[in-house]
C-alpha atoms as a PDB file:
ATOM      1  CA  UNK A   1       0.000   0.000   0.000  1.00  0.00           C
ATOM      2  CA  UNK A   2       1.020   3.597  -0.341  1.00  0.00           C
ATOM      3  CA  UNK A   3       0.009   6.955   1.018  1.00  0.00           C
ATOM      4  CA  UNK A   4      -0.171   9.672  -1.619  1.00  0.00           C
ATOM      5  CA  UNK A   5      -1.103  13.289  -1.018  1.00  0.00           C
ATOM      6  CA  UNK A   6      -0.769  16.544  -2.907  1.00  0.00           C
ATOM      7  CA  UNK A   7      -1.450  20.243  -2.897  1.00  0.00           C
ATOM      8  CA  UNK A   8      -1.321  23.108  -5.386  1.00  0.00           C
ATOM      9  CA  UNK A   9      -0.604  26.782  -4.761  1.00  0.00           C
ATOM     10  CA  UNK A  10      -1.631  29.781  -6.855  1.00  0.00           C
ATOM     11  CA  UNK A  11       0.731  32.260  -8.473  1.00  0.00           C
ATOM     12  CA  UNK A  12      -0.085  34.879  -5.860  1.00  0.00           C
ATOM     13  CA  UNK A  13      -0.014  32.565  -2.821  1.00  0.00           C
ATOM     14  CA  UNK A  14       2.217  33.744  -0.007  1.00  0.00           C
ATOM     15  CA  UNK A  15       3.830  30.461   0.985  1.00  0.00           C
ATOM     16  CA  UNK A  16       7.181  30.768   2.719  1.00  0.00           C
ATOM     17  CA  UNK A  17       9.776  28.027   3.069  1.00  0.00           C
ATOM     18  CA  UNK A  18       8.879  27.203   6.687  1.00  0.00           C
ATOM     19  CA  UNK A  19       5.207  26.789   5.836  1.00  0.00           C
ATOM     20  CA  UNK A  20       6.119  24.478   2.954  1.00  0.00           C
ATOM     21  CA  UNK A  21       8.358  22.350   5.193  1.00  0.00           C
ATOM     22  CA  UNK A  22       5.748  22.177   7.948  1.00  0.00           C
ATOM     23  CA  UNK A  23       2.886  21.235   5.636  1.00  0.00           C
ATOM     24  CA  UNK A  24       4.783  18.595   3.669  1.00  0.00           C
ATOM     25  CA  UNK A  25       6.405  17.103   6.783  1.00  0.00           C
ATOM     26  CA  UNK A  26       3.039  16.849   8.544  1.00  0.00           C
ATOM     27  CA  UNK A  27       1.370  15.243   5.542  1.00  0.00           C
ATOM     28  CA  UNK A  28       4.274  12.797   5.208  1.00  0.00           C
ATOM     29  CA  UNK A  29       3.956  11.713   8.830  1.00  0.00           C
ATOM     30  CA  UNK A  30       0.189  11.271   8.477  1.00  0.00           C
ATOM     31  CA  UNK A  31       0.556   9.144   5.334  1.00  0.00           C
ATOM     32  CA  UNK A  32       3.513   7.090   6.576  1.00  0.00           C
ATOM     33  CA  UNK A  33       1.302   4.332   7.963  1.00  0.00           C
ATOM     34  CA  UNK A  34       0.275   3.599   4.363  1.00  0.00           C
ATOM     35  CA  UNK A  35       3.738   3.590   2.777  1.00  0.00           C
ATOM     36  CA  UNK A  36       6.550   2.235   4.944  1.00  0.00           C
ATOM     37  CA  UNK A  37       9.142   0.946   2.463  1.00  0.00           C
ATOM     38  CA  UNK A  38      10.024   4.105   0.603  1.00  0.00           C
ATOM     39  CA  UNK A  39       9.170   7.772   0.297  1.00  0.00           C
ATOM     40  CA  UNK A  40       9.390  10.404  -2.386  1.00  0.00           C
ATOM     41  CA  UNK A  41       8.474  13.926  -3.272  1.00  0.00           C
ATOM     42  CA  UNK A  42       7.554  15.402  -6.651  1.00  0.00           C
ATOM     43  CA  UNK A  43       7.652  19.188  -7.010  1.00  0.00           C
ATOM     44  CA  UNK A  44       6.202  20.607 -10.223  1.00  0.00           C
ATOM     45  CA  UNK A  45       6.637  24.131 -11.554  1.00  0.00           C
ATOM     46  CA  UNK A  46       5.954  25.789 -14.900  1.00  0.00           C
ATOM     47  CA  UNK A  47       9.176  24.419 -16.404  1.00  0.00           C
ATOM     48  CA  UNK A  48       9.934  20.982 -14.979  1.00  0.00           C
ATOM     49  CA  UNK A  49       9.108  18.068 -12.728  1.00  0.00           C
ATOM     50  CA  UNK A  50      11.532  17.627  -9.818  1.00  0.00           C
ATOM     51  CA  UNK A  51      11.702  14.173  -8.191  1.00  0.00           C
ATOM     52  CA  UNK A  52      13.346  13.150  -4.918  1.00  0.00           C
ATOM     53  CA  UNK A  53      12.885   9.584  -3.670  1.00  0.00           C
ATOM     54  CA  UNK A  54      14.541   7.368  -1.105  1.00  0.00           C
ATOM     55  CA  UNK A  55      14.268   3.700  -0.058  1.00  0.00           C
ATOM     56  CA  UNK A  56      13.428   4.669   3.533  1.00  0.00           C
ATOM     57  CA  UNK A  57      10.505   5.709   5.689  1.00  0.00           C
ATOM     58  CA  UNK A  58       9.155   9.222   5.171  1.00  0.00           C
ATOM     59  CA  UNK A  59      10.067  10.140   8.747  1.00  0.00           C
ATOM     60  CA  UNK A  60      13.730   9.361   8.032  1.00  0.00           C
ATOM     61  CA  UNK A  61      13.710  11.044   4.643  1.00  0.00           C
ATOM     62  CA  UNK A  62      12.351  14.394   5.860  1.00  0.00           C
ATOM     63  CA  UNK A  63      15.101  14.597   8.480  1.00  0.00           C
ATOM     64  CA  UNK A  64      17.896  14.323   5.907  1.00  0.00           C
ATOM     65  CA  UNK A  65      19.955  17.294   4.761  1.00  0.00           C
ATOM     66  CA  UNK A  66      19.493  16.235   1.121  1.00  0.00           C
ATOM     67  CA  UNK A  67      15.707  16.403   1.432  1.00  0.00           C
ATOM     68  CA  UNK A  68      15.829  19.854   2.998  1.00  0.00           C
ATOM     69  CA  UNK A  69      18.202  21.078   0.272  1.00  0.00           C
ATOM     70  CA  UNK A  70      15.860  19.697  -2.416  1.00  0.00           C
ATOM     71  CA  UNK A  71      12.811  21.499  -1.009  1.00  0.00           C
ATOM     72  CA  UNK A  72      14.713  24.731  -0.290  1.00  0.00           C
ATOM     73  CA  UNK A  73      16.199  24.859  -3.807  1.00  0.00           C
ATOM     74  CA  UNK A  74      12.755  24.392  -5.348  1.00  0.00           C
ATOM     75  CA  UNK A  75      11.181  27.022  -3.119  1.00  0.00           C
ATOM     76  CA  UNK A  76      13.868  29.604  -3.884  1.00  0.00           C
ATOM     77  CA  UNK A  77      13.678  28.949  -7.623  1.00  0.00           C
ATOM     78  CA  UNK A  78       9.896  29.241  -7.648  1.00  0.00           C
ATOM     79  CA  UNK A  79       9.253  31.976  -5.116  1.00  0.00           C
ATOM     80  CA  UNK A  80       6.871  33.818  -7.465  1.00  0.00           C
ATOM     81  CA  UNK A  81       5.488  30.940  -9.538  1.00  0.00           C
ATOM     82  CA  UNK A  82       2.638  28.500  -9.191  1.00  0.00           C
ATOM     83  CA  UNK A  83       3.748  25.181  -7.773  1.00  0.00           C
ATOM     84  CA  UNK A  84       2.356  21.743  -7.076  1.00  0.00           C
ATOM     85  CA  UNK A  85       3.492  19.132  -4.605  1.00  0.00           C
ATOM     86  CA  UNK A  86       2.792  15.413  -4.843  1.00  0.00           C
ATOM     87  CA  UNK A  87       4.301  12.996  -2.343  1.00  0.00           C
ATOM     88  CA  UNK A  88       4.474   9.222  -2.497  1.00  0.00           C
END
């Protein structure tokens, strides 16, 4: 089984990096009971699809420096654009 969730923001949404981390981390923890073998995050903007996945529990993945760098880089690149988040 897997736990999949997603959310979409508008172009004019004021969504700072801490809010993004908090929301995604909370949703990951809530869905972890459904997907225990691996975790991943897909961030979509107007130009590309960005994928980060790991063969570990979501709880472990969201604590890693690589995960935080992935989310931060996406947020900084897309500070004024519409963005979508899908996690698996």
